[in-house]
Amino acid sequence: MSKKLFSTGRWKRYLKSRQLAQDRNAKRRRHRGKQQKHQRPVERRTYYNLVAPSNFSIVQNSAATIAFLNNLRFYSAKYNLALDLSGVGLLTTDAIAALVATLGPLQRAGVLIKGISPRDTTAQRILVGSGFFEHYRSDQPLPHVPHGQISQEKSKKVQPDLARDLIHFGIKALTGAEGKCSAAYRVLIESMSNTHNHALSAKAKRERSQELETWFATVYADAARKRVCFTFVDVGVGIFESVRLGKIRSFYRLIGLRNDTDILRDMLEGKVESSTGISYRGKGLPAINRLSEAGRIESLIIVANNVYANISTGQYRMLSVAFRGTLLYWEIATP
């Protein structure tokens, strides 16, 4: 009986399948062994303590806040990270969005991250309410204060539903009822679209890293000021590191303008294409700028690589520390 079973096609197929499974498992074990031999396990790393600036805000304290974010990337190459936010007295939601955008890739690379929350009650309330702990676990029980939301997406396509949801969330958190804001919606859509275009212009860099660019769109309801605050963070190469800007920069040097603030100002005014003859998308930033000029959005700030621009006040300046990517911040008022 058993001899007959051993000679059947069914038994032979079983043996072949079992051998293939054993070969696959052996290959996985060999691969894991090589990885463990050549890579230092992150859990054996020591923690490097990084103290956040007391004014933790890109829109208000750009250089110190960006330097802190850059240090997270720098020290994560050799250490796990211990973030000390205990001394933060002033915290803005743009910095929280940039912090989440910075920590995400580090965590995916296996870096362990722990931290201390702000002692200041207002800063702590903003951190909790922003949605930060929807992305990072807290060891302490947290109150349920849904004032903010942080959404992460890949830059494959524009997400109209996400834009509407963020606006509805922010307005409802202040007024108790969902509402619409076409201006905020337009800025979110244009920001998403610009991220995709920057990703395409930096194709060579992306192919080397084999990663799609990621963007973060956030909303926070500031009840004290009756403002809905939005932040959009593109963690790609940024406006001034894109391939297209190389030719535009060369043109600006020829006419005696060397500062990237001049390029950004002309982009916002829609002059780049007409001045150079070089096709740069030219729709998103001018459209956003017009909404700011019309007063339909407030406190519009753009930080891109080494440029800081407060569009609402007309302040443009070069940064001593470059931001990795592009950040847009704006607000809308509610009744």
Protein backbone atom coordinates (compact mmCIF):
# COMPACT_ATOMS: atom_id res chain seq x y z
CA MET A 1 0.00 0.00 0.00
CA SER A 2 2.73 2.49 1.03
CA LYS A 3 4.88 1.55 -1.96
CA LYS A 4 2.03 2.39 -4.27
CA LEU A 5 1.52 5.74 -2.52
CA PHE A 6 5.22 6.65 -2.84
CA SER A 7 5.13 6.06 -6.57
CA THR A 8 2.09 8.27 -7.27
CA GLY A 9 2.36 11.63 -9.05
CA ARG A 10 0.69 13.28 -6.08
CA TRP A 11 3.47 12.15 -3.74
CA LYS A 12 6.17 13.25 -6.17
CA ARG A 13 4.59 16.70 -6.46
CA TYR A 14 4.47 16.94 -2.67
CA LEU A 15 8.18 16.10 -2.38
CA LYS A 16 9.08 18.65 -5.06
CA SER A 17 7.02 21.36 -3.36
CA ARG A 18 8.61 20.57 -0.01
CA GLN A 19 12.11 20.75 -1.47
CA LEU A 20 11.40 24.14 -3.05
CA ALA A 21 10.09 25.48 0.28
CA GLN A 22 13.21 24.23 2.08
CA ASP A 23 15.43 25.89 -0.53
CA ARG A 24 13.60 29.21 -0.11
CA ASN A 25 13.90 29.08 3.68
CA ALA A 26 17.62 28.28 3.46
CA LYS A 27 18.13 31.21 1.10
CA ARG A 28 16.31 33.56 3.50
CA ARG A 29 18.48 32.37 6.40
CA ARG A 30 21.66 32.98 4.41
CA HIS A 31 20.45 36.46 3.43
CA ARG A 32 19.58 37.35 7.03
CA GLY A 33 22.99 36.12 8.12
CA LYS A 34 24.74 38.40 5.64
CA GLN A 35 22.64 41.39 6.73
CA GLN A 36 23.42 40.78 10.40
CA LYS A 37 27.11 40.42 9.57
CA HIS A 38 27.38 43.70 7.64
CA GLN A 39 24.83 45.85 9.47
CA ARG A 40 24.95 47.07 13.01
CA PRO A 41 21.61 46.24 14.67
CA VAL A 42 19.91 49.54 15.52
CA GLU A 43 18.67 48.23 18.85
CA ARG A 44 22.31 48.01 19.99
CA ARG A 45 22.97 51.64 19.19
CA THR A 46 23.15 54.20 21.93
CA TYR A 47 20.71 57.10 22.00
CA TYR A 48 21.87 60.58 21.03
CA ASN A 49 20.06 63.34 22.90
CA LEU A 50 18.89 66.30 20.82
CA VAL A 51 17.35 69.33 22.55
CA ALA A 52 14.72 71.24 20.56
CA PRO A 53 14.88 75.05 20.54
CA SER A 54 12.60 76.80 23.04
CA ASN A 55 10.92 78.55 20.10
CA PHE A 56 10.16 75.48 17.99
CA SER A 57 8.75 77.09 14.87
CA ILE A 58 9.88 77.25 11.26
CA VAL A 59 7.71 80.27 10.49
CA GLN A 60 9.01 82.22 13.52
CA ASN A 61 12.44 80.75 14.29
CA SER A 62 13.58 79.22 11.01
CA ALA A 63 17.34 78.75 11.45
CA ALA A 64 17.30 77.03 14.86
CA THR A 65 14.31 74.82 14.05
CA ILE A 66 15.65 73.70 10.66
CA ALA A 67 19.07 73.03 12.21
CA PHE A 68 17.40 70.77 14.79
CA LEU A 69 15.60 68.82 12.03
CA ASN A 70 18.81 68.50 10.02
CA ASN A 71 20.62 67.19 13.10
CA LEU A 72 18.02 64.44 13.44
CA ARG A 73 19.03 63.14 10.01
CA PHE A 74 22.74 63.60 10.67
CA TYR A 75 22.92 61.76 14.01
CA SER A 76 20.50 59.00 12.93
CA ALA A 77 23.30 57.58 10.75
CA LYS A 78 25.07 56.30 13.88
CA TYR A 79 22.63 56.64 16.77
CA ASN A 80 19.08 56.11 17.86
CA LEU A 81 17.44 59.41 18.73
CA ALA A 82 16.23 60.90 22.01
CA LEU A 83 14.21 64.06 21.37
CA ASP A 84 14.04 66.50 24.27
CA LEU A 85 11.13 68.89 23.76
CA SER A 86 10.78 69.61 27.48
CA GLY A 87 12.06 73.18 27.16
CA VAL A 88 9.83 74.16 24.24
CA GLY A 89 7.74 77.17 25.26
CA LEU A 90 6.48 78.27 21.87
CA LEU A 91 5.35 75.57 19.45
CA THR A 92 3.71 76.02 16.05
CA THR A 93 2.02 73.38 13.96
CA ASP A 94 4.27 73.94 10.93
CA ALA A 95 7.22 72.69 12.99
CA ILE A 96 5.21 69.66 14.13
CA ALA A 97 4.39 68.80 10.51
CA ALA A 98 8.05 69.13 9.52
CA LEU A 99 9.08 67.00 12.51
CA VAL A 100 6.72 64.19 11.49
CA ALA A 101 7.98 64.43 7.90
CA THR A 102 11.59 64.19 9.12
CA LEU A 103 11.12 61.29 11.53
CA GLY A 104 9.12 59.07 9.15
CA PRO A 105 11.99 57.98 6.86
CA LEU A 106 14.29 57.52 9.86
CA GLN A 107 11.84 55.16 11.53
CA ARG A 108 11.40 53.19 8.32
CA ALA A 109 15.19 52.83 8.20
CA GLY A 110 15.06 51.17 11.63
CA VAL A 111 16.17 54.08 13.82
CA LEU A 112 14.62 53.94 17.30
CA ILE A 113 13.11 57.21 18.51
CA LYS A 114 11.99 58.30 21.96
CA GLY A 115 11.23 61.70 23.39
CA ILE A 116 10.11 64.03 26.17
CA SER A 117 7.05 66.24 25.67
CA PRO A 118 7.05 70.00 26.44
CA ARG A 119 6.58 70.97 30.07
CA ASP A 120 4.76 74.14 28.98
CA THR A 121 1.05 73.37 29.09
CA THR A 122 0.17 75.39 25.98
CA ALA A 123 2.93 73.78 23.90
CA GLN A 124 1.92 70.36 25.21
CA ARG A 125 -1.71 71.00 24.31
CA ILE A 126 -0.76 71.99 20.76
CA LEU A 127 1.46 68.93 20.32
CA VAL A 128 -1.28 66.58 21.52
CA GLY A 129 -4.03 68.34 19.59
CA SER A 130 -2.06 68.51 16.33
CA GLY A 131 -2.40 64.80 15.64
CA PHE A 132 1.29 64.09 16.32
CA PHE A 133 0.49 61.12 18.53
CA GLU A 134 -1.59 59.55 15.79
CA HIS A 135 1.80 58.84 14.20
CA TYR A 136 3.90 58.25 17.33
CA ARG A 137 2.94 56.29 20.42
CA SER A 138 2.97 57.92 23.84
CA ASP A 139 3.83 56.03 27.02
CA GLN A 140 1.45 58.27 28.96
CA PRO A 141 -2.36 58.43 28.57
CA LEU A 142 -3.35 61.41 26.46
CA PRO A 143 -6.54 63.49 26.50
CA HIS A 144 -8.74 63.32 23.42
CA VAL A 145 -8.41 66.81 21.90
CA PRO A 146 -8.97 66.52 18.15
CA HIS A 147 -7.89 70.00 17.04
CA GLY A 148 -5.56 68.83 14.28
CA GLN A 149 -4.86 66.16 11.73
CA ILE A 150 -1.69 65.13 9.88
CA SER A 151 -2.04 63.16 6.64
CA GLN A 152 0.81 61.53 4.74
CA GLU A 153 0.62 60.62 1.05
CA LYS A 154 2.87 59.60 -1.83
CA SER A 155 3.16 62.01 -4.73
CA LYS A 156 1.65 59.77 -7.40
CA LYS A 157 -1.50 61.85 -7.74
CA VAL A 158 -3.50 64.73 -6.33
CA GLN A 159 -5.92 63.81 -3.53
CA PRO A 160 -9.05 66.04 -3.75
CA ASP A 161 -10.94 64.01 -1.13
CA LEU A 162 -8.12 64.42 1.36
CA ALA A 163 -8.05 68.18 0.77
CA ARG A 164 -11.80 68.43 1.42
CA ASP A 165 -11.56 66.25 4.53
CA LEU A 166 -8.82 68.41 6.06
CA ILE A 167 -10.81 71.59 5.46
CA HIS A 168 -14.01 70.08 6.86
CA PHE A 169 -12.12 68.82 9.90
CA GLY A 170 -10.51 72.19 10.67
CA ILE A 171 -13.69 74.25 10.26
CA LYS A 172 -15.78 71.79 12.26
CA ALA A 173 -13.25 71.83 15.12
CA LEU A 174 -13.87 75.58 15.46
CA THR A 175 -17.51 76.03 14.54
CA GLY A 176 -19.02 72.63 15.30
CA ALA A 177 -20.18 72.16 11.71
CA GLU A 178 -18.35 71.13 8.56
CA GLY A 179 -17.69 73.95 6.14
CA LYS A 180 -16.06 74.68 2.81
CA CYS A 181 -13.27 77.02 1.81
CA SER A 182 -12.47 77.12 -1.89
CA ALA A 183 -9.29 79.15 -1.34
CA ALA A 184 -7.77 76.64 1.11
CA TYR A 185 -8.86 73.83 -1.20
CA ARG A 186 -7.10 75.49 -4.16
CA VAL A 187 -3.85 75.90 -2.21
CA LEU A 188 -3.88 72.25 -1.14
CA ILE A 189 -4.56 71.02 -4.67
CA GLU A 190 -1.88 73.25 -6.20
CA SER A 191 0.62 72.16 -3.51
CA MET A 192 -0.05 68.49 -4.23
CA SER A 193 0.29 69.08 -7.96
CA ASN A 194 3.52 71.04 -7.57
CA THR A 195 4.99 68.22 -5.47
CA HIS A 196 4.32 65.79 -8.31
CA ASN A 197 5.91 68.13 -10.83
CA HIS A 198 9.01 68.64 -8.68
CA ALA A 199 9.29 64.89 -8.37
CA LEU A 200 9.26 64.53 -12.15
CA SER A 201 11.87 67.24 -12.62
CA ALA A 202 14.16 65.43 -10.17
CA LYS A 203 13.77 62.06 -11.88
CA ALA A 204 17.45 61.21 -11.85
CA LYS A 205 17.75 61.78 -8.11
CA ARG A 206 14.65 59.76 -7.39
CA GLU A 207 15.84 56.85 -9.51
CA ARG A 208 19.04 56.70 -7.52
CA SER A 209 17.17 56.55 -4.23
CA GLN A 210 14.40 54.29 -5.56
CA GLU A 211 11.88 56.16 -3.44
CA LEU A 212 8.78 58.13 -4.28
CA GLU A 213 8.57 61.57 -2.78
CA THR A 214 6.19 61.96 0.13
CA TRP A 215 4.15 64.94 1.19
CA PHE A 216 2.34 65.78 4.39
CA ALA A 217 -0.79 67.91 4.55
CA THR A 218 -1.92 69.10 7.97
CA VAL A 219 -4.66 71.18 9.56
CA TYR A 220 -4.98 72.67 13.04
CA ALA A 221 -7.88 74.61 14.54
CA ASP A 222 -6.57 77.50 16.63
CA ALA A 223 -9.57 78.28 18.83
CA ALA A 224 -7.91 81.24 20.58
CA ARG A 225 -7.35 83.13 17.33
CA LYS A 226 -10.31 81.64 15.42
CA ARG A 227 -8.02 80.53 12.64
CA VAL A 228 -7.71 77.26 10.76
CA CYS A 229 -3.98 76.70 10.15
CA PHE A 230 -2.69 74.59 7.26
CA THR A 231 0.80 73.25 6.58
CA PHE A 232 1.96 71.40 3.50
CA VAL A 233 5.39 69.75 3.57
CA ASP A 234 7.04 68.30 0.48
CA VAL A 235 10.03 66.22 1.60
CA GLY A 236 11.43 65.87 -1.91
CA VAL A 237 14.30 67.88 -3.41
CA GLY A 238 12.53 71.22 -3.00
CA ILE A 239 11.92 74.04 -5.46
CA PHE A 240 15.51 75.25 -5.75
CA GLU A 241 17.11 71.82 -6.07
CA SER A 242 14.95 70.76 -9.00
CA VAL A 243 16.62 70.20 -12.35
CA ARG A 244 14.58 72.89 -14.12
CA LEU A 245 15.84 75.63 -11.85
CA GLY A 246 19.42 75.09 -12.99
CA LYS A 247 18.80 76.86 -16.32
CA ILE A 248 16.73 79.57 -14.68
CA ARG A 249 19.49 80.26 -12.16
CA SER A 250 22.00 80.59 -15.00
CA PHE A 251 19.78 83.16 -16.67
CA TYR A 252 19.41 85.17 -13.46
CA ARG A 253 23.18 85.22 -13.00
CA LEU A 254 23.56 86.61 -16.51
CA ILE A 255 21.30 89.56 -15.69
CA GLY A 256 23.03 90.19 -12.36
CA LEU A 257 20.52 88.60 -9.95
CA ARG A 258 22.14 85.87 -7.88
CA ASN A 259 19.71 85.56 -5.00
CA ASP A 260 17.11 82.76 -5.03
CA THR A 261 14.64 85.12 -3.37
CA ASP A 262 14.45 86.99 -6.69
CA ILE A 263 13.54 83.76 -8.48
CA LEU A 264 10.84 82.88 -5.95
CA ARG A 265 9.38 86.38 -6.13
CA ASP A 266 9.16 86.15 -9.92
CA MET A 267 7.67 82.65 -9.72
CA LEU A 268 4.91 83.93 -7.47
CA GLU A 269 4.22 86.80 -9.84
CA GLY A 270 4.20 84.46 -12.87
CA LYS A 271 7.22 86.17 -14.47
CA VAL A 272 9.66 83.28 -14.68
CA GLU A 273 8.48 81.86 -17.99
CA SER A 274 8.02 85.25 -19.68
CA SER A 275 11.43 86.47 -18.50
CA THR A 276 13.46 83.42 -19.49
CA GLY A 277 11.55 81.59 -22.16
CA ILE A 278 12.00 78.45 -20.09
CA SER A 279 8.84 76.53 -19.33
CA TYR A 280 8.40 76.20 -15.57
CA ARG A 281 4.93 75.06 -14.61
CA GLY A 282 4.07 78.63 -13.67
CA LYS A 283 0.50 78.03 -12.51
CA GLY A 284 0.55 76.73 -8.94
CA LEU A 285 2.60 79.40 -7.16
CA PRO A 286 1.04 82.38 -9.02
CA ALA A 287 -2.44 81.03 -8.24
CA ILE A 288 -1.56 80.69 -4.55
CA ASN A 289 -0.05 84.19 -4.56
CA ARG A 290 -3.23 85.69 -6.03
CA LEU A 291 -5.30 84.11 -3.27
CA SER A 292 -3.02 85.75 -0.72
CA GLU A 293 -3.16 89.14 -2.44
CA ALA A 294 -6.98 88.95 -2.51
CA GLY A 295 -7.06 88.23 1.23
CA ARG A 296 -8.70 84.87 0.77
CA ILE A 297 -5.88 83.18 2.70
CA GLU A 298 -3.76 84.79 5.41
CA SER A 299 -0.21 84.51 6.79
CA LEU A 300 1.11 82.74 3.68
CA ILE A 301 4.70 81.61 4.26
CA ILE A 302 6.90 79.54 1.95
CA VAL A 303 10.17 77.93 3.03
CA ALA A 304 12.04 76.25 0.18
CA ASN A 305 15.60 75.01 0.53
CA ASN A 306 17.56 78.18 1.48
CA VAL A 307 14.74 80.71 0.95
CA TYR A 308 12.20 82.06 3.45
CA ALA A 309 9.31 84.13 2.16
CA ASN A 310 6.49 85.66 4.18
CA ILE A 311 4.26 86.45 1.22
CA SER A 312 1.65 88.24 3.31
CA THR A 313 4.16 90.79 4.66
CA GLY A 314 6.47 90.90 1.62
CA GLN A 315 9.49 89.66 3.60
CA TYR A 316 11.98 87.61 1.56
CA ARG A 317 15.33 86.43 2.91
CA MET A 318 18.02 83.80 2.48
CA LEU A 319 18.37 81.19 5.23
CA SER A 320 21.68 80.37 6.88
CA VAL A 321 20.50 76.74 7.18
CA ALA A 322 18.76 75.07 4.24
CA PHE A 323 15.43 73.33 4.66
CA ARG A 324 15.22 69.93 3.00
CA GLY A 325 12.22 70.24 0.69
CA THR A 326 9.43 72.82 0.58
CA LEU A 327 7.00 73.98 3.27
CA LEU A 328 3.88 76.09 2.79
CA TYR A 329 1.93 77.54 5.72
CA TRP A 330 -1.30 79.55 5.54
CA GLU A 331 -4.40 80.33 7.57
CA ILE A 332 -8.07 81.04 7.00
CA ALA A 333 -10.39 82.94 9.33
CA THR A 334 -13.73 81.60 10.53
CA PRO A 335 -16.74 83.67 11.69
